[in-house]
C-alpha atoms as a PDB file:
ATOM      1  CA  MET A   1       3.218-123.380 -90.033  1.00  0.00           C
ATOM      2  CA  GLY A   2       3.834-119.574 -90.700  1.00  0.00           C
ATOM      3  CA  ARG A   3       2.793-117.342 -93.483  1.00  0.00           C
ATOM      4  CA  ARG A   4       6.167-117.997 -95.121  1.00  0.00           C
ATOM      5  CA  GLU A   5       6.182-121.763 -95.214  1.00  0.00           C
ATOM      6  CA  GLU A   6       2.385-121.036 -95.967  1.00  0.00           C
ATOM      7  CA  ILE A   7       3.858-119.010 -99.562  1.00  0.00           C
ATOM      8  CA  ALA A   8       6.248-121.155-100.023  1.00  0.00           C
ATOM      9  CA  GLU A   9       4.034-124.294 -99.972  1.00  0.00           C
ATOM     10  CA  SER A  10       1.696-122.692-102.243  1.00  0.00           C
ATOM     11  CA  ILE A  11       4.338-122.112-104.737  1.00  0.00           C
ATOM     12  CA  ILE A  12       5.491-125.849-104.623  1.00  0.00           C
ATOM     13  CA  LYS A  13       1.801-127.233-104.795  1.00  0.00           C
ATOM     14  CA  PHE A  14       1.290-124.471-107.971  1.00  0.00           C
ATOM     15  CA  ALA A  15       4.085-125.618-110.003  1.00  0.00           C
ATOM     16  CA  GLN A  16       3.319-129.392-109.306  1.00  0.00           C
ATOM     17  CA  ASP A  17      -0.150-128.619-110.262  1.00  0.00           C
ATOM     18  CA  ASN A  18       0.491-127.264-113.694  1.00  0.00           C
ATOM     19  CA  ASP A  19       3.420-129.475-114.578  1.00  0.00           C
ATOM     20  CA  LEU A  20       6.387-126.771-113.852  1.00  0.00           C
ATOM     21  CA  GLU A  21       9.357-127.018-112.448  1.00  0.00           C
ATOM     22  CA  ILE A  22      10.937-124.122-109.983  1.00  0.00           C
ATOM     23  CA  HIS A  23      13.652-122.138-110.988  1.00  0.00           C
ATOM     24  CA  PRO A  24      16.832-123.341-110.195  1.00  0.00           C
ATOM     25  CA  GLY A  25      18.571-120.407-108.762  1.00  0.00           C
ATOM     26  CA  GLN A  26      15.313-119.950-106.473  1.00  0.00           C
ATOM     27  CA  ASP A  27      14.591-120.927-103.386  1.00  0.00           C
ATOM     28  CA  PRO A  28      10.526-121.224-102.387  1.00  0.00           C
ATOM     29  CA  LEU A  29      11.312-119.836 -98.534  1.00  0.00           C
ATOM     30  CA  LYS A  30      13.587-117.309-100.010  1.00  0.00           C
ATOM     31  CA  TRP A  31      11.150-115.966-102.786  1.00  0.00           C
ATOM     32  CA  ALA A  32       8.080-116.242 -99.863  1.00  0.00           C
ATOM     33  CA  ASP A  33      10.318-113.607 -97.946  1.00  0.00           C
ATOM     34  CA  LEU A  34      10.138-111.434-100.519  1.00  0.00           C
ATOM     35  CA  VAL A  35       6.295-112.096-100.960  1.00  0.00           C
ATOM     36  CA  ILE A  36       5.849-110.662 -97.604  1.00  0.00           C
ATOM     37  CA  LYS A  37       8.152-107.567 -98.019  1.00  0.00           C
ATOM     38  CA  LYS A  38       6.413-106.606-100.783  1.00  0.00           C
ATOM     39  CA  GLY A  39       2.954-107.275 -99.801  1.00  0.00           C
ATOM     40  CA  GLY A  40       2.311-109.450-103.045  1.00  0.00           C
ATOM     41  CA  CYS A  41       4.195-110.580-106.111  1.00  0.00           C
ATOM     42  CA  PRO A  42       7.620-109.066-105.907  1.00  0.00           C
ATOM     43  CA  CYS A  43       7.838-108.595-109.561  1.00  0.00           C
ATOM     44  CA  VAL A  44       4.676-107.314-110.749  1.00  0.00           C
ATOM     45  CA  PRO A  45       3.171-104.304-108.830  1.00  0.00           C
ATOM     46  CA  GLY A  46      -0.532-104.641-108.290  1.00  0.00           C
ATOM     47  CA  ARG A  47      -0.526-108.471-108.185  1.00  0.00           C
ATOM     48  CA  ASN A  48      -1.382-109.496-104.791  1.00  0.00           C
ATOM     49  CA  HIS A  49      -0.445-112.718-104.116  1.00  0.00           C
ATOM     50  CA  CYS A  50       2.490-115.441-105.348  1.00  0.00           C
ATOM     51  CA  PRO A  51       1.474-117.059-107.188  1.00  0.00           C
ATOM     52  CA  CYS A  52      -0.480-115.032-109.387  1.00  0.00           C
ATOM     53  CA  GLU A  53      -3.215-115.866-111.457  1.00  0.00           C
ATOM     54  CA  PHE A  54      -1.423-114.625-114.229  1.00  0.00           C
ATOM     55  CA  VAL A  55       1.298-117.392-114.024  1.00  0.00           C
ATOM     56  CA  LEU A  56       0.556-119.416-116.994  1.00  0.00           C
ATOM     57  CA  GLU A  57      -0.529-115.912-119.301  1.00  0.00           C
ATOM     58  CA  ASP A  58       2.835-114.885-118.550  1.00  0.00           C
ATOM     59  CA  MET A  59       4.449-117.786-119.587  1.00  0.00           C
ATOM     60  CA  LYS A  60       3.009-117.558-122.933  1.00  0.00           C
ATOM     61  CA  GLU A  61       3.789-113.759-123.612  1.00  0.00           C
ATOM     62  CA  THR A  62       7.480-113.471-122.049  1.00  0.00           C
ATOM     63  CA  ASP A  63       9.715-113.663-124.696  1.00  0.00           C
ATOM     64  CA  HIS A  64      13.600-112.684-123.990  1.00  0.00           C
ATOM     65  CA  ARG A  65      14.900-113.087-127.733  1.00  0.00           C
ATOM     66  CA  SER A  66      17.012-115.854-127.306  1.00  0.00           C
ATOM     67  CA  PRO A  67      16.900-119.357-125.837  1.00  0.00           C
ATOM     68  CA  PRO A  68      16.657-120.478-123.685  1.00  0.00           C
ATOM     69  CA  PHE A  69      14.433-117.166-122.571  1.00  0.00           C
ATOM     70  CA  SER A  70      11.411-117.785-125.225  1.00  0.00           C
ATOM     71  CA  PRO A  71       7.640-117.670-125.018  1.00  0.00           C
ATOM     72  CA  ARG A  72       6.241-120.276-122.760  1.00  0.00           C
ATOM     73  CA  ASN A  73       9.211-121.204-120.828  1.00  0.00           C
ATOM     74  CA  ARG A  74       9.105-119.192-117.884  1.00  0.00           C
ATOM     75  CA  CYS A  75       6.740-116.671-116.069  1.00  0.00           C
ATOM     76  CA  ARG A  76       7.944-113.190-116.102  1.00  0.00           C
ATOM     77  CA  CYS A  77       9.827-113.269-112.381  1.00  0.00           C
ATOM     78  CA  GLY A  78      11.527-116.394-113.442  1.00  0.00           C
ATOM     79  CA  LEU A  79      10.024-118.307-110.349  1.00  0.00           C
ATOM     80  CA  PHE A  80       8.326-120.926-112.640  1.00  0.00           C
ATOM     81  CA  CYS A  81       9.664-122.680-115.623  1.00  0.00           C
ATOM     82  CA  ASN A  82       8.937-125.365-117.621  1.00  0.00           C
ATOM     83  CA  GLN A  83      10.959-128.796-118.230  1.00  0.00           C
ATOM     84  CA  ALA A  84      12.228-127.053-121.722  1.00  0.00           C
ATOM     85  CA  PHE A  85      13.832-124.307-119.984  1.00  0.00           C
ATOM     86  CA  ILE A  86      15.193-126.735-117.122  1.00  0.00           C
ATOM     87  CA  GLU A  87      16.919-128.444-119.981  1.00  0.00           C
ATOM     88  CA  GLU A  88      18.576-125.580-121.654  1.00  0.00           C
ATOM     89  CA  TYR A  89      19.771-124.690-118.596  1.00  0.00           C
ATOM     90  CA  ASN A  90      21.725-127.288-117.545  1.00  0.00           C
ATOM     91  CA  ARG A  91      22.937-127.853-120.836  1.00  0.00           C
ATOM     92  CA  LEU A  92      24.280-124.017-120.734  1.00  0.00           C
ATOM     93  CA  LEU A  93      25.780-124.682-116.921  1.00  0.00           C
ATOM     94  CA  ALA A  94      27.099-127.627-118.192  1.00  0.00           C
ATOM     95  CA  GLU A  95      28.893-125.955-121.201  1.00  0.00           C
ATOM     96  CA  TRP A  96      29.887-123.121-118.505  1.00  0.00           C
ATOM     97  CA  LYS A  97      31.733-125.275-116.481  1.00  0.00           C
ATOM     98  CA  SER A  98      33.394-127.381-118.889  1.00  0.00           C
ATOM     99  CA  ARG A  99      34.903-123.913-120.472  1.00  0.00           C
ATOM    100  CA  ARG A 100      36.362-122.978-117.117  1.00  0.00           C
ATOM    101  CA  LYS A 101      39.884-123.198-116.609  1.00  0.00           C
ATOM    102  CA  TRP A 102      41.409-123.327-113.239  1.00  0.00           C
ATOM    103  CA  THR A 103      44.935-121.936-112.897  1.00  0.00           C
ATOM    104  CA  PRO A 104      46.458-122.248-109.252  1.00  0.00           C
ATOM    105  CA  LYS A 105      47.904-119.450-108.126  1.00  0.00           C
ATOM    106  CA  LEU A 106      51.676-120.361-107.332  1.00  0.00           C
ATOM    107  CA  LYS A 107      53.116-118.912-103.826  1.00  0.00           C
ATOM    108  CA  VAL A 108      56.687-117.646-104.574  1.00  0.00           C
ATOM    109  CA  SER A 109      59.198-117.818-101.333  1.00  0.00           C
ATOM    110  CA  SER A 110      61.518-115.405-101.154  1.00  0.00           C
END
């Protein structure tokens, strides 16, 4: 197993061990690529590992002023989130999809 796979595996294990989810828009392997490229946490300079030891602390402090991005729902990087975030994310996504209207473009022959 290469470094990329080890990092992705540690991300998944951290989420499982702490009753967290990986954000639906993130992929552990792609995130591992960022960690390797940045030499540590891709979001917060000076944090040398991902997942870093501050994830759970960050989740208590993160406040983006509107649900579902309220305190305790996701980490600073947005990689880890809790079930409340997932539920709200899925609700908003379904609402957005139901509002989208598709209008086919008609080709006019000349």
